[in-house]
N, C-alpha and C. Protein backbone atom coordinates (compact mmCIF):
# COMPACT_ATOMS: atom_id res chain seq x y z
N MET A 1 0.65 -1.17 0.02
CA MET A 1 -0.07 0.11 0.03
C MET A 1 0.92 1.26 -0.08
N ARG A 2 0.38 2.31 -0.74
CA ARG A 2 1.24 3.40 -0.95
C ARG A 2 1.02 4.33 0.21
N ARG A 3 1.99 5.05 0.65
CA ARG A 3 1.92 6.17 1.85
C ARG A 3 1.01 7.11 1.40
N VAL A 4 0.31 7.47 2.38
CA VAL A 4 -0.49 8.74 1.92
C VAL A 4 0.26 9.94 2.18
N ASP A 5 -0.05 10.97 1.36
CA ASP A 5 0.75 12.13 1.12
C ASP A 5 0.59 13.06 2.55
N ASP A 6 1.71 13.43 3.13
CA ASP A 6 1.64 13.89 4.25
C ASP A 6 0.86 15.29 4.37
N ARG A 7 0.72 15.90 3.33
CA ARG A 7 -0.09 17.28 3.23
C ARG A 7 -1.42 16.77 3.39
N HIS A 8 -1.96 15.80 3.05
CA HIS A 8 -3.41 15.37 2.97
C HIS A 8 -3.46 14.94 4.49
N VAL A 9 -2.79 14.07 4.99
CA VAL A 9 -2.88 13.65 6.30
C VAL A 9 -2.89 14.86 7.42
N ILE A 10 -1.98 15.75 7.25
CA ILE A 10 -1.94 17.04 8.20
C ILE A 10 -3.23 17.65 8.14
N SER A 11 -3.57 17.85 6.70
CA SER A 11 -4.93 18.60 6.55
C SER A 11 -6.01 17.96 7.21
N GLY A 12 -6.09 16.68 7.08
CA GLY A 12 -7.25 15.96 7.83
C GLY A 12 -7.16 16.00 9.30
N ILE A 13 -5.96 15.88 9.84
CA ILE A 13 -5.88 16.12 11.30
C ILE A 13 -6.27 17.34 11.78
N VAL A 14 -5.83 18.50 11.01
CA VAL A 14 -6.21 19.81 11.34
C VAL A 14 -7.80 19.94 11.32
N HIS A 15 -8.33 19.20 10.20
CA HIS A 15 -9.74 19.31 10.25
C HIS A 15 -10.57 18.81 11.31
N VAL A 16 -10.13 17.63 11.88
CA VAL A 16 -10.67 17.04 12.93
C VAL A 16 -10.39 17.93 14.21
N LEU A 17 -9.21 18.45 14.45
CA LEU A 17 -9.06 19.30 15.42
C LEU A 17 -9.75 20.53 15.53
N VAL A 18 -9.86 21.16 14.38
CA VAL A 18 -10.72 22.35 14.10
C VAL A 18 -12.30 22.28 14.35
N SER A 19 -12.65 21.32 13.58
CA SER A 19 -14.07 20.94 13.70
C SER A 19 -14.50 20.29 14.97
N GLY A 20 -13.71 19.69 15.62
CA GLY A 20 -14.07 19.13 16.83
C GLY A 20 -14.81 17.71 16.64
N GLY A 21 -14.78 17.27 15.36
CA GLY A 21 -15.35 16.10 14.88
C GLY A 21 -14.75 14.77 15.42
N ARG A 22 -15.19 13.63 14.99
CA ARG A 22 -14.68 12.45 15.33
C ARG A 22 -13.68 12.00 14.09
N TRP A 23 -12.86 11.14 14.30
CA TRP A 23 -11.88 10.68 13.21
C TRP A 23 -12.77 9.85 12.23
N VAL A 24 -13.77 9.03 12.53
CA VAL A 24 -14.54 8.43 11.60
C VAL A 24 -15.44 9.14 10.75
N ASP A 25 -15.58 10.58 11.06
CA ASP A 25 -16.49 11.53 10.19
C ASP A 25 -15.51 12.30 9.27
N THR A 26 -14.14 12.04 9.53
CA THR A 26 -13.29 12.90 8.49
C THR A 26 -13.47 12.55 7.01
N PRO A 27 -13.75 13.44 6.08
CA PRO A 27 -13.87 13.08 4.65
C PRO A 27 -12.69 12.31 4.19
N VAL A 28 -13.02 11.58 3.25
CA VAL A 28 -12.04 10.44 2.74
C VAL A 28 -11.00 11.19 1.92
N ASP A 29 -11.21 12.29 1.38
CA ASP A 29 -9.99 12.88 0.75
C ASP A 29 -8.91 13.12 1.38
N TYR A 30 -8.99 12.93 2.71
CA TYR A 30 -7.72 13.06 3.64
C TYR A 30 -6.86 11.78 3.67
N GLY A 31 -7.39 10.85 3.39
CA GLY A 31 -6.97 9.44 3.51
C GLY A 31 -7.65 8.68 4.51
N PRO A 32 -7.06 7.31 4.72
CA PRO A 32 -7.85 6.61 5.51
C PRO A 32 -7.74 7.20 6.91
N ARG A 33 -8.89 7.10 7.77
CA ARG A 33 -9.13 7.48 8.95
C ARG A 33 -8.15 7.15 9.96
N LYS A 34 -7.78 5.73 9.96
CA LYS A 34 -6.99 5.01 10.84
C LYS A 34 -5.45 5.72 10.63
N THR A 35 -5.34 6.03 9.37
CA THR A 35 -3.84 6.64 8.99
C THR A 35 -3.85 7.98 9.74
N LEU A 36 -4.75 8.85 9.79
CA LEU A 36 -4.88 10.07 10.21
C LEU A 36 -4.78 9.92 11.89
N GLN A 37 -5.34 8.99 12.41
CA GLN A 37 -5.35 8.71 13.84
C GLN A 37 -4.04 8.43 14.20
N ASN A 38 -3.38 7.49 13.59
CA ASN A 38 -2.00 6.97 13.76
C ASN A 38 -1.04 7.89 13.77
N ARG A 39 -1.08 8.71 12.74
CA ARG A 39 -0.17 9.81 12.45
C ARG A 39 -0.26 10.81 13.68
N TYR A 40 -1.52 11.17 13.87
CA TYR A 40 -1.57 12.15 14.94
C TYR A 40 -1.06 11.68 16.19
N ALA A 41 -1.41 10.35 16.72
CA ALA A 41 -0.75 9.76 18.00
C ALA A 41 0.79 9.80 17.76
N ARG A 42 1.31 9.45 16.62
CA ARG A 42 2.72 9.53 16.68
C ARG A 42 3.45 10.86 16.67
N LEU A 43 2.73 11.86 16.17
CA LEU A 43 3.29 13.12 16.20
C LEU A 43 3.06 13.66 17.80
N ALA A 44 1.96 13.29 18.35
CA ALA A 44 1.81 13.75 19.75
C ALA A 44 2.66 13.14 20.60
N ALA A 45 3.11 11.97 20.41
CA ALA A 45 4.00 11.20 21.10
C ALA A 45 5.55 12.01 21.32
N LYS A 46 5.71 12.50 20.02
CA LYS A 46 6.89 13.13 19.76
C LYS A 46 6.96 14.62 20.22
N GLY A 47 5.77 15.11 20.69
CA GLY A 47 5.59 16.45 21.06
C GLY A 47 5.76 17.54 19.92
N VAL A 48 5.40 16.88 18.75
CA VAL A 48 5.36 17.90 17.72
C VAL A 48 4.08 18.93 17.78
N TRP A 49 2.96 18.59 18.22
CA TRP A 49 1.82 19.41 18.17
C TRP A 49 2.07 20.55 19.18
N GLU A 50 2.65 20.07 20.35
CA GLU A 50 2.81 20.99 21.47
C GLU A 50 3.75 22.01 21.05
N ARG A 51 4.95 21.63 20.37
CA ARG A 51 6.16 22.66 19.95
C ARG A 51 5.26 23.64 18.89
N LEU A 52 4.60 22.81 18.11
CA LEU A 52 3.93 23.67 17.05
C LEU A 52 3.10 24.78 17.32
N PHE A 53 2.34 24.73 18.41
CA PHE A 53 1.30 25.54 18.80
C PHE A 53 1.96 26.44 19.92
N HIS A 54 3.16 26.17 20.55
CA HIS A 54 3.79 27.00 21.41
C HIS A 54 4.81 28.18 20.68
N ALA A 55 5.25 27.57 19.54
CA ALA A 55 6.20 28.47 18.84
C ALA A 55 5.73 29.99 18.62
N PRO A 56 4.61 29.92 18.15
CA PRO A 56 4.07 31.46 17.82
C PRO A 56 3.82 32.25 19.18
N SER A 57 3.54 31.48 20.26
CA SER A 57 3.48 32.50 21.37
C SER A 57 4.76 32.90 22.13
N SER A 58 5.83 32.08 21.58
CA SER A 58 7.10 32.46 22.10
C SER A 58 7.70 33.45 21.11
N ALA A 59 7.30 33.56 19.92
CA ALA A 59 7.83 34.46 18.85
C ALA A 59 7.63 35.95 19.42
N ALA A 60 8.52 36.81 18.96
CA ALA A 60 8.52 38.27 19.11
C ALA A 60 7.76 38.78 17.93
N GLY A 61 6.98 39.84 17.99
CA GLY A 61 6.43 40.39 16.97
C GLY A 61 4.86 40.80 17.39
N ALA A 62 4.23 41.53 16.33
CA ALA A 62 2.88 42.07 16.56
C ALA A 62 1.96 40.83 16.44
N PRO A 63 0.92 41.07 17.31
CA PRO A 63 -0.10 39.82 17.32
C PRO A 63 -0.54 39.28 15.91
N ALA A 64 -0.79 40.09 15.06
CA ALA A 64 -1.18 39.65 13.81
C ALA A 64 -0.19 38.70 13.03
N HIS A 65 1.09 38.79 13.60
CA HIS A 65 2.07 37.94 13.16
C HIS A 65 2.31 36.50 13.78
N VAL A 66 1.86 36.65 15.08
CA VAL A 66 2.03 35.55 15.87
C VAL A 66 0.66 34.41 16.02
N LEU A 67 -0.45 35.11 15.59
CA LEU A 67 -1.82 34.21 15.82
C LEU A 67 -1.81 33.23 14.91
N ILE A 68 -2.39 32.00 15.15
CA ILE A 68 -2.36 30.90 14.32
C ILE A 68 -3.78 30.81 13.58
N GLY A 69 -4.82 31.12 14.10
CA GLY A 69 -6.14 31.03 13.66
C GLY A 69 -7.03 32.40 13.78
N SER A 70 -8.38 32.25 13.52
CA SER A 70 -9.12 33.35 13.63
C SER A 70 -10.40 32.88 13.87
N SER A 71 -11.39 33.59 14.35
CA SER A 71 -12.92 33.13 14.34
C SER A 71 -13.67 34.38 13.85
N PRO A 72 -14.97 33.83 12.96
CA PRO A 72 -15.86 34.87 12.65
C PRO A 72 -16.43 35.63 13.66
N VAL A 73 -16.82 36.87 13.31
CA VAL A 73 -17.41 37.73 14.06
C VAL A 73 -18.66 38.36 13.14
N LYS A 74 -19.83 38.13 13.82
CA LYS A 74 -21.00 38.64 13.20
C LYS A 74 -21.22 40.16 13.35
N TYR A 75 -21.60 40.98 12.34
CA TYR A 75 -21.85 42.37 12.66
C TYR A 75 -22.92 42.90 11.95
N PRO A 76 -23.55 43.91 12.30
CA PRO A 76 -24.85 44.39 11.46
C PRO A 76 -24.55 44.56 9.93
N SER A 77 -25.26 44.26 9.18
CA SER A 77 -25.15 44.53 7.77
C SER A 77 -25.90 45.77 7.42
N GLY A 78 -25.57 46.49 6.16
CA GLY A 78 -26.40 47.54 5.69
C GLY A 78 -25.63 48.84 6.28
N GLY A 79 -24.63 48.70 6.88
CA GLY A 79 -23.85 49.88 7.09
C GLY A 79 -24.35 50.59 8.55
N GLY A 80 -25.28 49.70 9.15
CA GLY A 80 -25.82 50.48 10.51
C GLY A 80 -24.86 50.50 11.40
N ARG A 81 -24.97 51.38 12.46
CA ARG A 81 -24.05 51.35 13.61
C ARG A 81 -24.56 50.47 14.80
N LEU A 82 -23.60 50.10 15.49
CA LEU A 82 -23.99 49.27 16.67
C LEU A 82 -24.42 50.27 17.79
N PRO A 83 -25.25 49.90 18.45
CA PRO A 83 -25.85 50.65 19.78
C PRO A 83 -24.41 50.82 20.63
N GLU A 84 -24.64 51.91 21.43
CA GLU A 84 -23.42 52.14 22.18
C GLU A 84 -23.04 51.14 23.34
N ASP A 85 -24.27 50.51 23.84
CA ASP A 85 -24.06 49.41 24.77
C ASP A 85 -23.52 47.95 24.10
N GLU A 86 -23.39 47.94 22.90
CA GLU A 86 -23.12 46.74 22.34
C GLU A 86 -21.62 46.71 21.67
N ALA A 87 -20.60 45.99 22.10
CA ALA A 87 -19.33 46.19 21.60
C ALA A 87 -19.04 44.88 20.63
N VAL A 88 -18.17 45.14 19.96
CA VAL A 88 -17.76 44.02 18.98
C VAL A 88 -16.38 43.82 19.31
N GLY A 89 -15.80 42.51 19.49
CA GLY A 89 -14.33 42.35 19.84
C GLY A 89 -14.03 42.15 20.97
């Protein structure tokens, strides 16, 4: 059996971590679910994930250069202003 492309596997792992889904629900485009699970466990045992996510927090620079992800924020459409007592952010 051919080795599944590392980029697909990493994307599948990130998909599971970000979505909070189960390994079994991972789209087949990322490769066999058991492969994703096994590689995640192997990388976790080596401390790769911990180092990966701690590296940006120890980097110097503006927060925009240090952050890994983002979250969507809803705001009023149509150019309306927010009420004074309603803050965004």
